N, C-alpha and C. Protein backbone atom coordinates (compact mmCIF):
# COMPACT_ATOMS: atom_id res chain seq x y z
N MET A 1 0.81 -1.18 0.00
CA MET A 1 0.00 0.00 0.00
C MET A 1 0.87 1.26 0.00
N ILE A 2 1.93 1.24 0.78
CA ILE A 2 2.80 2.41 0.85
C ILE A 2 3.42 2.69 -0.51
N ARG A 3 3.83 1.63 -1.21
CA ARG A 3 4.42 1.83 -2.54
C ARG A 3 3.40 2.42 -3.51
N ILE A 4 2.17 1.99 -3.41
CA ILE A 4 1.13 2.51 -4.31
C ILE A 4 0.87 3.99 -4.00
N LEU A 5 0.73 4.34 -2.74
CA LEU A 5 0.48 5.72 -2.37
C LEU A 5 1.66 6.65 -2.68
N ALA A 6 2.84 6.09 -2.82
CA ALA A 6 4.02 6.88 -3.14
C ALA A 6 4.07 7.26 -4.63
N GLN A 7 3.28 6.59 -5.45
CA GLN A 7 3.27 6.89 -6.88
C GLN A 7 2.63 8.25 -7.12
N ARG A 8 3.28 9.05 -7.93
CA ARG A 8 2.84 10.41 -8.18
C ARG A 8 1.40 10.48 -8.68
N GLU A 9 1.05 9.64 -9.62
CA GLU A 9 -0.30 9.67 -10.20
C GLU A 9 -1.36 9.36 -9.14
N VAL A 10 -1.08 8.40 -8.30
CA VAL A 10 -2.03 8.01 -7.27
C VAL A 10 -2.21 9.15 -6.27
N ARG A 11 -1.10 9.72 -5.82
CA ARG A 11 -1.17 10.83 -4.87
C ARG A 11 -1.94 12.01 -5.46
N GLU A 12 -1.68 12.32 -6.71
CA GLU A 12 -2.35 13.45 -7.35
C GLU A 12 -3.86 13.24 -7.43
N ARG A 13 -4.28 12.01 -7.69
CA ARG A 13 -5.72 11.72 -7.76
C ARG A 13 -6.38 11.91 -6.40
N PHE A 14 -5.72 11.45 -5.36
CA PHE A 14 -6.27 11.65 -4.02
C PHE A 14 -6.28 13.13 -3.65
N GLU A 15 -5.17 13.81 -3.91
CA GLU A 15 -5.06 15.22 -3.56
C GLU A 15 -6.04 16.08 -4.35
N ALA A 16 -6.39 15.69 -5.56
CA ALA A 16 -7.39 16.40 -6.34
C ALA A 16 -8.76 16.36 -5.67
N GLN A 17 -8.96 15.36 -4.82
CA GLN A 17 -10.21 15.23 -4.07
C GLN A 17 -10.06 15.76 -2.64
N HIS A 18 -8.98 16.51 -2.43
CA HIS A 18 -8.67 17.13 -1.13
C HIS A 18 -8.44 16.10 -0.04
N ALA A 19 -7.96 14.93 -0.42
CA ALA A 19 -7.62 13.90 0.55
C ALA A 19 -6.17 14.10 0.99
N VAL A 20 -5.91 13.77 2.24
CA VAL A 20 -4.55 13.83 2.76
C VAL A 20 -3.96 12.44 2.63
N VAL A 21 -2.92 12.32 1.81
CA VAL A 21 -2.30 11.02 1.59
C VAL A 21 -1.26 10.78 2.67
N VAL A 22 -1.48 9.73 3.44
CA VAL A 22 -0.56 9.38 4.52
C VAL A 22 -0.20 7.91 4.32
N GLY A 23 0.91 7.68 3.69
CA GLY A 23 1.36 6.31 3.47
C GLY A 23 2.52 6.02 4.39
N SER A 24 2.19 5.51 5.56
CA SER A 24 3.25 5.25 6.54
C SER A 24 2.86 4.05 7.39
N THR A 25 3.42 3.98 8.56
CA THR A 25 3.17 2.84 9.44
C THR A 25 1.83 3.02 10.17
N PRO A 26 1.28 1.92 10.69
CA PRO A 26 0.05 2.04 11.47
C PRO A 26 0.20 2.98 12.67
N ASP A 27 1.37 2.96 13.31
CA ASP A 27 1.59 3.84 14.46
C ASP A 27 1.58 5.31 14.04
N ALA A 28 2.21 5.61 12.92
CA ALA A 28 2.22 6.98 12.42
C ALA A 28 0.80 7.42 12.06
N PHE A 29 0.00 6.52 11.50
CA PHE A 29 -1.37 6.84 11.16
C PHE A 29 -2.19 7.12 12.43
N ARG A 30 -1.99 6.31 13.47
CA ARG A 30 -2.69 6.55 14.75
C ARG A 30 -2.36 7.93 15.29
N LYS A 31 -1.09 8.30 15.23
CA LYS A 31 -0.67 9.62 15.71
C LYS A 31 -1.31 10.73 14.88
N PHE A 32 -1.37 10.54 13.57
CA PHE A 32 -2.00 11.52 12.69
C PHE A 32 -3.47 11.69 13.05
N VAL A 33 -4.18 10.59 13.23
CA VAL A 33 -5.60 10.64 13.55
C VAL A 33 -5.80 11.32 14.92
N ALA A 34 -4.98 10.99 15.89
CA ALA A 34 -5.10 11.59 17.22
C ALA A 34 -4.89 13.10 17.14
N THR A 35 -3.94 13.54 16.34
CA THR A 35 -3.68 14.97 16.16
C THR A 35 -4.88 15.66 15.51
N GLU A 36 -5.44 15.03 14.49
CA GLU A 36 -6.61 15.59 13.81
C GLU A 36 -7.79 15.70 14.76
N ILE A 37 -8.03 14.67 15.55
CA ILE A 37 -9.15 14.68 16.50
C ILE A 37 -8.97 15.83 17.50
N ALA A 38 -7.78 15.96 18.04
CA ALA A 38 -7.52 17.03 19.01
C ALA A 38 -7.74 18.40 18.38
N GLN A 39 -7.27 18.57 17.16
CA GLN A 39 -7.40 19.86 16.47
C GLN A 39 -8.87 20.21 16.26
N TRP A 40 -9.64 19.29 15.73
CA TRP A 40 -11.04 19.57 15.40
C TRP A 40 -11.92 19.61 16.65
N LYS A 41 -11.53 18.92 17.69
CA LYS A 41 -12.25 19.01 18.96
C LYS A 41 -12.14 20.43 19.50
N ALA A 42 -10.94 20.97 19.44
CA ALA A 42 -10.72 22.34 19.91
C ALA A 42 -11.53 23.34 19.08
N VAL A 43 -11.58 23.13 17.79
CA VAL A 43 -12.35 24.03 16.91
C VAL A 43 -13.83 23.96 17.27
N ALA A 44 -14.35 22.74 17.45
CA ALA A 44 -15.76 22.57 17.79
C ALA A 44 -16.08 23.21 19.14
N GLN A 45 -15.22 23.03 20.11
CA GLN A 45 -15.44 23.62 21.42
C GLN A 45 -15.40 25.15 21.37
N ALA A 46 -14.44 25.69 20.63
CA ALA A 46 -14.33 27.15 20.51
C ALA A 46 -15.54 27.75 19.81
N GLY A 47 -16.11 27.00 18.88
CA GLY A 47 -17.27 27.48 18.14
C GLY A 47 -18.59 27.12 18.80
N GLY A 48 -18.55 26.43 19.93
CA GLY A 48 -19.77 26.03 20.61
C GLY A 48 -20.59 25.02 19.82
N ILE A 49 -19.91 24.23 19.02
CA ILE A 49 -20.59 23.24 18.17
C ILE A 49 -20.87 21.99 18.99
N LYS A 50 -22.11 21.55 18.96
CA LYS A 50 -22.53 20.36 19.71
C LYS A 50 -23.06 19.30 18.75
N ALA A 51 -22.84 18.05 19.07
CA ALA A 51 -23.40 16.95 18.28
C ALA A 51 -24.90 16.87 18.53
N GLU A 52 -25.63 16.55 17.50
CA GLU A 52 -27.09 16.42 17.66
C GLU A 52 -27.48 14.99 17.84
């Protein structure tokens, strides 16, 4: 999977859809997801956004 995501054409297709291409280890992916959750949690809290 990492080799496929490293191909320029594949990355460009994902990026054209505004996807973040992360081709790395499972541990690195977990860290990425944790960072994203923390970031967007802070945004939601600052904006007073609540789940319905």
